Amino acid sequence: MPLFIDNPPQVVVFKNEKEKKEWDEASDEEKQRLVKPYTFKDGLDILFDEN
């Protein structure tokens, strides 16, 4: 493992099989559009989700 990295690793999480299939069929440009950056607020929203 290198000491310094240029870009952080990218983790893609799918909620269902349909999302996974869409990802597999998408072009590189479409994948960039589909990826939503994870923020600290996203982590907090999970903890306090009212649904």
N, C-alpha and C. Protein backbone atom coordinates (compact mmCIF):
# COMPACT_ATOMS: atom_id res chain seq x y z
N MET A 1 0.85 -1.18 0.00
CA MET A 1 0.00 0.00 0.00
C MET A 1 0.89 1.24 0.00
N PRO A 2 0.67 2.13 -0.95
CA PRO A 2 1.50 3.34 -1.01
C PRO A 2 1.21 4.26 0.18
N LEU A 3 2.21 5.00 0.55
CA LEU A 3 2.07 5.92 1.67
C LEU A 3 1.13 7.07 1.32
N PHE A 4 1.23 7.55 0.10
CA PHE A 4 0.37 8.65 -0.35
C PHE A 4 -0.41 8.19 -1.57
N ILE A 5 -1.66 8.63 -1.67
CA ILE A 5 -2.47 8.28 -2.83
C ILE A 5 -2.98 9.56 -3.48
N ASP A 6 -3.18 9.51 -4.79
CA ASP A 6 -3.67 10.69 -5.51
C ASP A 6 -5.16 10.91 -5.29
N ASN A 7 -5.94 9.84 -5.31
CA ASN A 7 -7.38 9.93 -5.14
C ASN A 7 -7.85 8.90 -4.12
N PRO A 8 -8.84 9.24 -3.32
CA PRO A 8 -9.37 8.25 -2.37
C PRO A 8 -10.06 7.12 -3.12
N PRO A 9 -10.15 5.94 -2.53
CA PRO A 9 -10.85 4.83 -3.20
C PRO A 9 -12.33 5.16 -3.34
N GLN A 10 -12.94 4.59 -4.36
CA GLN A 10 -14.35 4.82 -4.62
C GLN A 10 -15.13 3.55 -4.26
N VAL A 11 -16.16 3.71 -3.45
CA VAL A 11 -17.02 2.60 -3.06
C VAL A 11 -18.41 2.88 -3.60
N VAL A 12 -18.97 1.91 -4.31
CA VAL A 12 -20.30 2.06 -4.88
C VAL A 12 -21.22 1.05 -4.18
N VAL A 13 -22.32 1.55 -3.62
CA VAL A 13 -23.27 0.71 -2.90
C VAL A 13 -24.59 0.72 -3.67
N PHE A 14 -25.13 -0.46 -3.88
CA PHE A 14 -26.40 -0.59 -4.59
C PHE A 14 -27.50 -0.96 -3.61
N LYS A 15 -28.67 -0.37 -3.78
CA LYS A 15 -29.80 -0.66 -2.91
C LYS A 15 -30.57 -1.89 -3.37
N ASN A 16 -30.44 -2.19 -4.68
CA ASN A 16 -31.16 -3.35 -5.19
C ASN A 16 -30.47 -3.85 -6.46
N GLU A 17 -30.99 -4.94 -6.99
CA GLU A 17 -30.40 -5.56 -8.17
C GLU A 17 -30.54 -4.68 -9.41
N LYS A 18 -31.62 -3.91 -9.49
CA LYS A 18 -31.85 -3.01 -10.63
C LYS A 18 -30.73 -1.97 -10.72
N GLU A 19 -30.35 -1.38 -9.59
CA GLU A 19 -29.27 -0.39 -9.58
C GLU A 19 -27.95 -1.02 -10.02
N LYS A 20 -27.70 -2.24 -9.56
CA LYS A 20 -26.47 -2.96 -9.96
C LYS A 20 -26.45 -3.21 -11.45
N LYS A 21 -27.58 -3.61 -12.02
CA LYS A 21 -27.67 -3.87 -13.45
C LYS A 21 -27.44 -2.59 -14.24
N GLU A 22 -28.04 -1.48 -13.80
CA GLU A 22 -27.85 -0.19 -14.47
C GLU A 22 -26.37 0.20 -14.45
N TRP A 23 -25.71 -0.03 -13.34
CA TRP A 23 -24.29 0.30 -13.21
C TRP A 23 -23.45 -0.54 -14.17
N ASP A 24 -23.74 -1.83 -14.24
CA ASP A 24 -22.98 -2.72 -15.11
C ASP A 24 -23.13 -2.34 -16.58
N GLU A 25 -24.29 -1.82 -16.96
CA GLU A 25 -24.55 -1.48 -18.36
C GLU A 25 -24.16 -0.04 -18.71
N ALA A 26 -23.80 0.77 -17.73
CA ALA A 26 -23.50 2.18 -17.96
C ALA A 26 -22.10 2.37 -18.55
N SER A 27 -21.96 3.44 -19.34
CA SER A 27 -20.64 3.81 -19.86
C SER A 27 -19.86 4.52 -18.75
N ASP A 28 -18.58 4.77 -18.98
CA ASP A 28 -17.77 5.45 -17.97
C ASP A 28 -18.32 6.84 -17.65
N GLU A 29 -18.80 7.55 -18.67
CA GLU A 29 -19.37 8.88 -18.45
C GLU A 29 -20.64 8.80 -17.61
N GLU A 30 -21.48 7.81 -17.89
CA GLU A 30 -22.71 7.64 -17.11
C GLU A 30 -22.40 7.26 -15.67
N LYS A 31 -21.37 6.45 -15.47
CA LYS A 31 -20.99 6.06 -14.10
C LYS A 31 -20.56 7.28 -13.29
N GLN A 32 -19.84 8.20 -13.92
CA GLN A 32 -19.44 9.42 -13.23
C GLN A 32 -20.66 10.23 -12.81
N ARG A 33 -21.69 10.23 -13.65
CA ARG A 33 -22.91 10.97 -13.34
C ARG A 33 -23.70 10.28 -12.22
N LEU A 34 -23.65 8.95 -12.18
CA LEU A 34 -24.43 8.20 -11.19
C LEU A 34 -23.83 8.26 -9.79
N VAL A 35 -22.53 8.49 -9.69
CA VAL A 35 -21.86 8.46 -8.39
C VAL A 35 -22.18 9.74 -7.62
N LYS A 36 -22.69 9.56 -6.41
CA LYS A 36 -22.98 10.69 -5.53
C LYS A 36 -21.90 10.72 -4.45
N PRO A 37 -21.21 11.84 -4.34
CA PRO A 37 -20.18 11.92 -3.29
C PRO A 37 -20.78 11.74 -1.89
N TYR A 38 -20.12 10.99 -1.05
CA TYR A 38 -20.55 10.78 0.33
C TYR A 38 -20.03 11.92 1.17
N THR A 39 -20.87 12.50 1.99
CA THR A 39 -20.47 13.59 2.86
C THR A 39 -20.73 13.22 4.31
N PHE A 40 -20.18 14.00 5.20
CA PHE A 40 -20.40 13.78 6.63
C PHE A 40 -21.89 13.84 6.96
N LYS A 41 -22.62 14.76 6.31
CA LYS A 41 -24.06 14.90 6.55
C LYS A 41 -24.80 13.62 6.15
N ASP A 42 -24.37 12.96 5.07
CA ASP A 42 -24.99 11.70 4.66
C ASP A 42 -24.91 10.68 5.79
N GLY A 43 -23.78 10.61 6.46
CA GLY A 43 -23.61 9.69 7.57
C GLY A 43 -24.55 10.00 8.71
N LEU A 44 -24.75 11.26 8.98
CA LEU A 44 -25.67 11.66 10.05
C LEU A 44 -27.12 11.39 9.66
N ASP A 45 -27.46 11.60 8.40
CA ASP A 45 -28.83 11.34 7.95
C ASP A 45 -29.21 9.88 8.18
N ILE A 46 -28.30 8.98 8.00
CA ILE A 46 -28.57 7.55 8.23
C ILE A 46 -28.93 7.31 9.69
N LEU A 47 -28.23 7.98 10.59
CA LEU A 47 -28.47 7.79 12.02
C LEU A 47 -29.82 8.36 12.46
N PHE A 48 -30.28 9.42 11.81
CA PHE A 48 -31.49 10.10 12.24
C PHE A 48 -32.62 10.00 11.23
N ASP A 49 -32.58 9.00 10.38
CA ASP A 49 -33.63 8.80 9.38
C ASP A 49 -34.94 8.47 10.08
N GLU A 50 -35.99 9.19 9.74
CA GLU A 50 -37.28 9.02 10.40
C GLU A 50 -38.14 7.94 9.76
N ASN A 51 -37.72 7.38 8.62
CA ASN A 51 -38.52 6.37 7.94
C ASN A 51 -38.40 5.02 8.58
